[in-house]
Protein backbone atom coordinates (compact mmCIF):
# COMPACT_ATOMS: atom_id res chain seq x y z
CA MET A 1 47.20 -92.82 53.06
CA ALA A 2 48.29 -89.33 54.01
CA THR A 3 45.92 -86.51 53.18
CA VAL A 4 47.25 -84.18 50.49
CA ILE A 5 46.64 -80.58 51.44
CA ASN A 6 46.71 -77.90 48.76
CA THR A 7 48.67 -74.97 50.15
CA ASN A 8 48.82 -73.12 46.82
CA LEU A 9 45.29 -71.75 46.78
CA THR A 10 44.98 -68.27 45.31
CA THR A 11 41.93 -66.47 46.62
CA LEU A 12 40.11 -63.75 44.72
CA ASN A 13 41.45 -61.13 47.13
CA GLY A 14 44.98 -62.52 46.80
CA PHE A 15 44.73 -62.52 43.00
CA ILE A 16 43.47 -58.93 43.00
CA ASN A 17 46.43 -57.92 45.18
CA ILE A 18 48.90 -59.63 42.81
CA GLN A 19 47.36 -57.91 39.78
CA GLU A 20 47.42 -54.55 41.55
CA ARG A 21 51.16 -54.83 42.21
CA LYS A 22 51.77 -55.12 38.46
CA TYR A 23 50.72 -51.50 38.03
CA PRO A 24 52.60 -49.02 40.23
CA ALA A 25 50.08 -46.26 39.48
CA ALA A 26 47.13 -48.37 40.68
CA THR A 27 45.06 -46.65 43.37
CA GLY A 28 43.24 -49.73 44.64
CA ASN A 29 39.80 -48.34 43.81
CA LEU A 30 39.05 -50.87 41.06
CA SER A 31 40.33 -53.65 43.30
CA GLY A 32 37.95 -52.49 46.00
CA LEU A 33 35.01 -52.63 43.59
CA LEU A 34 35.89 -56.20 42.57
CA ARG A 35 36.05 -57.18 46.23
CA SER A 36 32.59 -55.67 46.68
CA VAL A 37 31.33 -57.91 43.87
CA GLY A 38 32.78 -60.93 45.65
CA LEU A 39 31.16 -60.00 48.96
CA ALA A 40 27.70 -59.38 47.48
CA ALA A 41 27.96 -62.60 45.45
CA LYS A 42 28.52 -64.60 48.64
CA ILE A 43 25.44 -63.03 50.24
CA VAL A 44 23.26 -63.73 47.19
CA ASN A 45 24.63 -67.26 46.92
CA ARG A 46 23.78 -67.94 50.56
CA GLU A 47 20.22 -66.77 50.02
CA LEU A 48 19.79 -68.74 46.79
CA THR A 49 20.88 -71.99 48.43
CA MET A 50 18.13 -71.47 51.03
CA ALA A 51 15.48 -70.02 48.71
CA GLY A 52 13.57 -73.30 48.39
CA LEU A 53 13.14 -73.40 52.17
CA ALA A 54 12.14 -69.75 52.54
CA GLU A 55 8.67 -69.13 51.12
CA ASP A 56 9.11 -65.36 51.15
CA MET A 57 12.08 -65.62 48.77
CA MET A 58 10.33 -67.67 46.08
CA GLY A 59 8.00 -66.46 43.36
CA GLU A 60 7.09 -62.97 42.19
CA THR A 61 6.52 -59.72 44.07
CA GLY A 62 3.53 -58.76 41.89
CA GLU A 63 5.45 -55.80 40.47
CA THR A 64 7.09 -55.24 37.08
CA ASN A 65 10.42 -53.56 36.37
CA VAL A 66 11.29 -50.93 33.76
CA GLN A 67 11.59 -53.75 31.20
CA GLY A 68 7.96 -54.77 31.78
CA GLU A 69 9.15 -58.06 33.32
CA ASN A 70 7.71 -59.63 36.46
CA VAL A 71 9.97 -59.00 39.45
CA LYS A 72 11.00 -61.94 41.62
CA HIS A 73 11.69 -61.63 45.34
CA MET A 74 15.29 -62.69 44.66
CA ASP A 75 15.61 -59.92 42.03
CA VAL A 76 14.91 -57.37 44.74
CA PHE A 77 17.21 -59.08 47.24
CA ALA A 78 20.15 -59.28 44.81
CA ASN A 79 19.67 -55.70 43.62
CA GLU A 80 19.60 -54.29 47.14
CA HIS A 81 22.67 -56.20 48.30
CA PHE A 82 24.85 -55.42 45.28
CA ILE A 83 23.98 -51.72 45.48
CA ALA A 84 24.64 -51.73 49.24
CA ALA A 85 28.02 -53.42 48.71
CA PHE A 86 29.08 -50.82 46.14
CA LYS A 87 27.98 -47.98 48.40
CA ARG A 88 29.86 -49.40 51.38
CA GLY A 89 32.99 -49.81 49.25
CA ARG A 90 33.05 -46.02 48.65
CA ARG A 91 34.71 -46.37 45.24
CA CYS A 92 31.56 -46.07 43.15
CA CYS A 93 29.83 -42.83 42.13
CA GLY A 94 26.91 -44.28 40.16
CA ILE A 95 25.04 -47.48 39.29
CA VAL A 96 22.71 -48.53 36.49
CA SER A 97 20.74 -51.67 37.31
CA GLU A 98 18.21 -53.71 35.40
CA GLU A 99 15.92 -53.33 38.40
CA GLN A 100 16.06 -49.52 38.56
CA ASP A 101 14.28 -47.13 36.19
CA ASP A 102 16.99 -44.49 36.51
CA MET A 103 20.63 -44.39 37.55
CA VAL A 104 21.57 -44.52 41.23
CA VAL A 105 23.77 -41.52 42.00
CA ILE A 106 26.21 -41.90 44.88
CA ASP A 107 27.67 -38.70 46.31
CA GLU A 108 31.07 -40.13 47.22
CA GLU A 109 33.90 -37.64 47.07
CA GLY A 110 36.72 -38.76 44.79
CA ALA A 111 34.90 -41.83 43.45
CA GLN A 112 35.56 -42.29 39.74
CA TYR A 113 33.95 -45.64 38.88
CA LEU A 114 30.52 -46.57 37.53
CA VAL A 115 28.83 -49.97 37.67
CA CYS A 116 26.24 -51.35 35.25
CA ILE A 117 24.65 -54.53 36.59
CA ASP A 118 22.04 -57.19 36.04
CA PRO A 119 21.77 -58.35 39.67
CA LEU A 120 20.07 -61.67 38.92
CA ASP A 121 20.10 -62.84 35.32
CA GLY A 122 17.64 -65.66 34.58
CA SER A 123 15.68 -65.17 37.79
CA SER A 124 12.59 -66.80 36.24
CA ASN A 125 14.51 -70.08 36.58
CA ILE A 126 14.95 -69.87 40.35
CA ASP A 127 11.72 -71.70 41.20
CA VAL A 128 12.84 -74.72 39.14
CA ASN A 129 16.43 -74.75 40.44
CA ILE A 130 18.16 -73.87 37.16
CA PRO A 131 21.47 -71.91 37.26
CA VAL A 132 21.16 -68.13 37.44
CA GLY A 133 23.75 -65.38 37.54
CA THR A 134 24.89 -61.81 38.02
CA ILE A 135 26.45 -59.74 35.21
CA PHE A 136 28.45 -56.57 35.87
CA SER A 137 30.42 -53.96 33.98
CA ILE A 138 32.70 -51.23 35.33
CA TYR A 139 33.52 -47.91 33.64
CA LYS A 140 35.41 -44.79 34.62
CA ARG A 141 33.38 -41.59 34.64
CA ILE A 142 34.17 -39.00 31.97
CA SER A 143 32.46 -35.94 33.49
CA LYS A 144 34.18 -33.58 35.88
CA ASP A 145 31.01 -32.43 37.64
CA CYS A 146 30.28 -33.11 41.28
CA LEU A 147 27.73 -35.81 40.53
CA VAL A 148 27.75 -38.45 37.83
CA THR A 149 25.72 -37.72 34.68
CA LYS A 150 23.74 -39.85 32.24
CA GLU A 151 26.45 -39.39 29.61
CA ASP A 152 28.99 -41.03 31.92
CA PHE A 153 27.16 -44.33 31.50
CA LEU A 154 26.55 -44.08 27.76
CA GLN A 155 30.05 -45.11 26.73
CA PRO A 156 30.82 -47.86 24.20
CA GLY A 157 31.88 -51.24 25.55
CA THR A 158 35.47 -50.63 24.44
CA LYS A 159 35.71 -48.21 27.38
CA GLN A 160 35.01 -50.87 30.00
CA ILE A 161 37.62 -51.09 32.75
CA ALA A 162 36.42 -54.48 33.95
CA ALA A 163 33.51 -56.85 33.43
CA GLY A 164 32.39 -60.21 34.70
CA TYR A 165 29.65 -62.53 35.78
CA VAL A 166 28.78 -64.75 38.72
CA ILE A 167 27.14 -68.10 38.06
CA TYR A 168 25.18 -69.67 40.93
CA SER A 169 24.89 -73.41 40.28
CA SER A 170 26.27 -76.72 41.59
CA SER A 171 29.28 -74.55 42.36
CA THR A 172 29.36 -70.76 42.44
CA MET A 173 31.92 -68.98 40.27
CA ILE A 174 33.07 -65.47 39.50
CA VAL A 175 34.53 -65.01 36.01
CA TYR A 176 35.97 -61.60 35.18
CA THR A 177 38.42 -59.63 33.07
CA THR A 178 40.19 -56.31 33.40
CA GLY A 179 41.39 -56.44 29.78
CA ASP A 180 44.30 -58.75 30.57
CA GLY A 181 42.75 -62.18 30.02
CA VAL A 182 39.87 -63.96 31.73
CA ASN A 183 40.09 -65.76 35.08
CA GLY A 184 37.55 -67.83 36.98
CA PHE A 185 37.21 -68.28 40.74
CA THR A 186 35.12 -70.99 42.44
CA LEU A 187 33.59 -70.43 45.86
CA ASP A 188 34.95 -72.84 48.47
CA PRO A 189 32.10 -72.98 51.01
CA ALA A 190 34.39 -74.54 53.63
CA ILE A 191 36.51 -71.40 53.91
CA GLY A 192 34.06 -68.89 52.42
CA GLU A 193 36.49 -67.71 49.76
CA PHE A 194 36.50 -67.57 45.97
CA CYS A 195 39.62 -69.45 44.84
CA LEU A 196 41.34 -69.35 41.44
CA SER A 197 40.15 -72.46 39.60
CA HIS A 198 40.18 -71.43 35.92
CA PRO A 199 43.26 -69.28 35.15
CA ASN A 200 43.62 -67.64 31.75
CA MET A 201 40.39 -69.02 30.29
CA GLN A 202 40.46 -69.51 26.51
CA MET A 203 37.46 -70.25 24.32
CA PRO A 204 37.93 -72.91 21.62
CA ALA A 205 38.02 -71.36 18.13
CA ASP A 206 35.49 -73.96 16.97
CA GLY A 207 32.59 -75.66 18.68
CA LYS A 208 29.69 -78.02 18.17
CA ILE A 209 27.04 -76.36 20.32
CA VAL A 210 24.37 -73.87 19.25
CA SER A 211 22.53 -72.04 22.02
CA CYS A 212 19.29 -70.49 20.80
CA ASN A 213 15.54 -70.47 21.50
CA LEU A 214 14.32 -72.11 18.30
CA SER A 215 10.65 -71.64 19.15
CA TYR A 216 10.99 -68.20 17.50
CA LYS A 217 12.92 -69.40 14.43
CA SER A 218 10.27 -68.26 11.94
CA GLU A 219 10.67 -64.69 13.26
CA PHE A 220 14.47 -64.62 13.07
CA PRO A 221 16.32 -62.61 10.36
CA ASP A 222 16.88 -64.63 7.20
CA PHE A 223 20.62 -65.09 7.73
CA ILE A 224 20.04 -66.54 11.22
CA GLN A 225 17.43 -68.92 9.86
CA ARG A 226 19.95 -70.03 7.22
CA TYR A 227 22.65 -70.49 9.85
CA VAL A 228 20.30 -72.54 12.06
CA ASP A 229 19.41 -74.77 9.09
CA TYR A 230 23.11 -75.14 8.27
CA SER A 231 23.92 -76.02 11.89
CA PHE A 232 21.53 -78.96 12.01
CA GLU A 233 22.19 -80.41 8.56
CA HIS A 234 23.97 -83.76 8.44
CA ASP A 235 27.50 -83.40 7.07
CA LYS A 236 30.26 -85.66 8.43
CA ALA A 237 33.05 -83.58 6.90
CA SER A 238 32.16 -80.57 9.05
CA GLN A 239 30.92 -82.68 12.01
CA ARG A 240 27.36 -81.50 11.67
CA PRO A 241 24.71 -81.49 12.95
CA TYR A 242 25.75 -79.40 15.90
CA ASN A 243 24.19 -79.95 19.32
CA LEU A 244 21.38 -77.72 20.54
CA ARG A 245 21.74 -76.54 24.14
CA TYR A 246 19.61 -73.73 25.57
CA VAL A 247 19.15 -73.02 29.27
CA GLY A 248 17.31 -69.70 29.05
CA SER A 249 19.69 -68.01 31.49
CA MET A 250 22.30 -65.98 29.61
CA VAL A 251 25.01 -66.55 32.19
CA ALA A 252 24.52 -70.32 32.13
CA ASP A 253 24.54 -70.50 28.32
CA ILE A 254 27.55 -68.19 28.03
CA HIS A 255 29.51 -70.05 30.72
CA ARG A 256 29.09 -73.34 28.85
CA THR A 257 29.98 -71.66 25.55
CA LEU A 258 33.12 -70.13 27.09
CA LEU A 259 34.33 -73.47 28.44
CA LYS A 260 33.34 -75.81 25.62
CA GLY A 261 33.07 -73.61 22.55
CA GLY A 262 29.94 -72.95 20.53
CA ILE A 263 27.76 -70.03 19.55
CA PHE A 264 25.07 -68.12 21.45
CA LEU A 265 22.34 -66.57 19.30
CA TYR A 266 19.78 -64.05 20.52
CA PRO A 267 18.19 -62.50 17.41
CA PRO A 268 15.41 -59.92 17.16
CA THR A 269 11.84 -61.20 16.85
CA THR A 270 8.47 -59.71 15.96
CA ASP A 271 7.77 -58.81 19.60
CA SER A 272 11.35 -57.64 20.21
CA PRO A 273 12.49 -56.03 16.93
CA LYS A 274 15.55 -54.50 18.59
CA GLY A 275 16.48 -57.69 20.40
CA LYS A 276 15.74 -58.48 24.02
CA LEU A 277 19.05 -58.45 25.87
CA ARG A 278 20.33 -55.15 27.28
CA LEU A 279 23.48 -53.55 25.91
CA LEU A 280 24.93 -51.85 29.00
CA TYR A 281 24.72 -54.56 31.62
CA GLU A 282 24.36 -57.79 29.64
CA CYS A 283 25.80 -57.64 26.11
CA ASN A 284 28.76 -55.32 26.72
CA PRO A 285 30.22 -57.15 29.73
CA ILE A 286 29.65 -60.58 28.18
CA SER A 287 31.21 -59.43 24.89
CA PHE A 288 34.27 -58.08 26.74
CA ILE A 289 34.77 -61.46 28.39
CA ILE A 290 34.17 -63.41 25.17
CA GLU A 291 36.68 -61.32 23.21
CA GLN A 292 39.28 -61.47 25.98
CA ALA A 293 38.97 -65.27 25.87
CA GLY A 294 39.57 -65.32 22.10
CA GLY A 295 35.98 -65.34 20.87
CA ALA A 296 33.88 -62.86 18.91
CA SER A 297 30.67 -60.92 19.54
CA THR A 298 28.48 -58.99 17.11
CA ASN A 299 24.96 -57.65 16.64
CA GLY A 300 25.06 -58.87 13.04
CA LYS A 301 26.18 -55.51 11.69
CA GLN A 302 28.98 -54.42 13.95
CA ARG A 303 31.07 -55.47 16.92
CA ILE A 304 28.97 -55.21 20.09
CA LEU A 305 31.73 -53.36 21.95
CA GLU A 306 31.75 -50.58 19.34
CA MET A 307 28.06 -49.74 19.65
CA ASP A 308 27.24 -46.28 21.03
CA PRO A 309 24.57 -46.63 23.74
CA THR A 310 21.67 -44.17 23.67
CA SER A 311 19.81 -45.16 26.85
CA PHE A 312 20.32 -47.11 30.07
CA HIS A 313 18.08 -50.02 29.10
CA GLU A 314 18.78 -50.16 25.37
CA ARG A 315 18.38 -53.60 23.80
CA THR A 316 20.34 -55.27 21.03
CA PRO A 317 20.58 -58.57 19.18
CA ILE A 318 23.74 -60.49 20.07
CA TYR A 319 25.60 -63.38 18.42
CA CYS A 320 28.74 -64.45 20.24
CA GLY A 321 31.02 -67.38 20.89
CA SER A 322 33.75 -69.33 19.13
CA LYS A 323 35.44 -67.10 16.57
CA ASN A 324 35.15 -69.45 13.59
CA MET A 325 31.47 -70.14 14.24
CA VAL A 326 30.65 -66.43 14.46
CA GLU A 327 32.56 -65.80 11.22
CA GLN A 328 30.66 -68.61 9.49
CA MET A 329 27.36 -67.10 10.61
CA LEU A 330 28.37 -63.64 9.37
CA MET A 331 29.29 -65.08 5.96
CA MET A 332 25.63 -66.04 5.56
CA HIS A 333 24.66 -62.46 6.41
CA ASN A 334 27.03 -60.96 3.86
């Protein structure tokens, strides 16, 4: 039997070039930033696949970050390589990272773009070989000063120019949007390229999966407790109970929710009364993707993308996923 060779592969770089040609006024700077994400993702992926064989890449450094969380060796590695990639690309004038107390200011003449990033989401799962990820968000600066300012970063999510995530798992994927739909690219290790595998991703309007850490249920707001109880009641007419699936890595849970439908719940608790996930580099980019794929995302009171950030590491509750499931949950709130 003759081997069938696919000659219609669209690489990430090729796709970026096609998209750029749609807009005559495009300067190529945003495209360059997205290519930097792809390059850094390959480097982090390479290291993650070898982490179990490299003792110095496993476990914790003994330090804590600005969030008060234990820092893993791979957290440091991913942070350093993503920042280095953005600096080399020369299109970025500032970065806010989960692993940095303050913003990283880059004195690059003419650069107009900012990056907010969680370099390695779910890093506590690395030692047990559970999927982890990278989440990123790109804005355009609003100040006209020489160097980027704090206010440049504190824009609502509706101002995002692009956002995406990388999931490192049995296959490695980049999923991103520039406000014109959501597309996914899978890394082909044989050629070392991300190739278009999931064009125009659309989230089902309904789902049967609830993603939530139920060990804190008694501390959840009343309407979330009611929704959880509703989700696991037996009712054939509405195909309940729903299935419970919770990985503990936001990227992994969101990726499944995006592909299969469902709802992701991360409410406030007694220890985290403002929620635990960060607005700038977790909730905003994920919400942009979810909405572009036809889903919905809220903090229970307002659309996540319309929140006005007040600090780099601000936290918020988030409830996102299939549109009809989010609406059902909000009905219990109202």
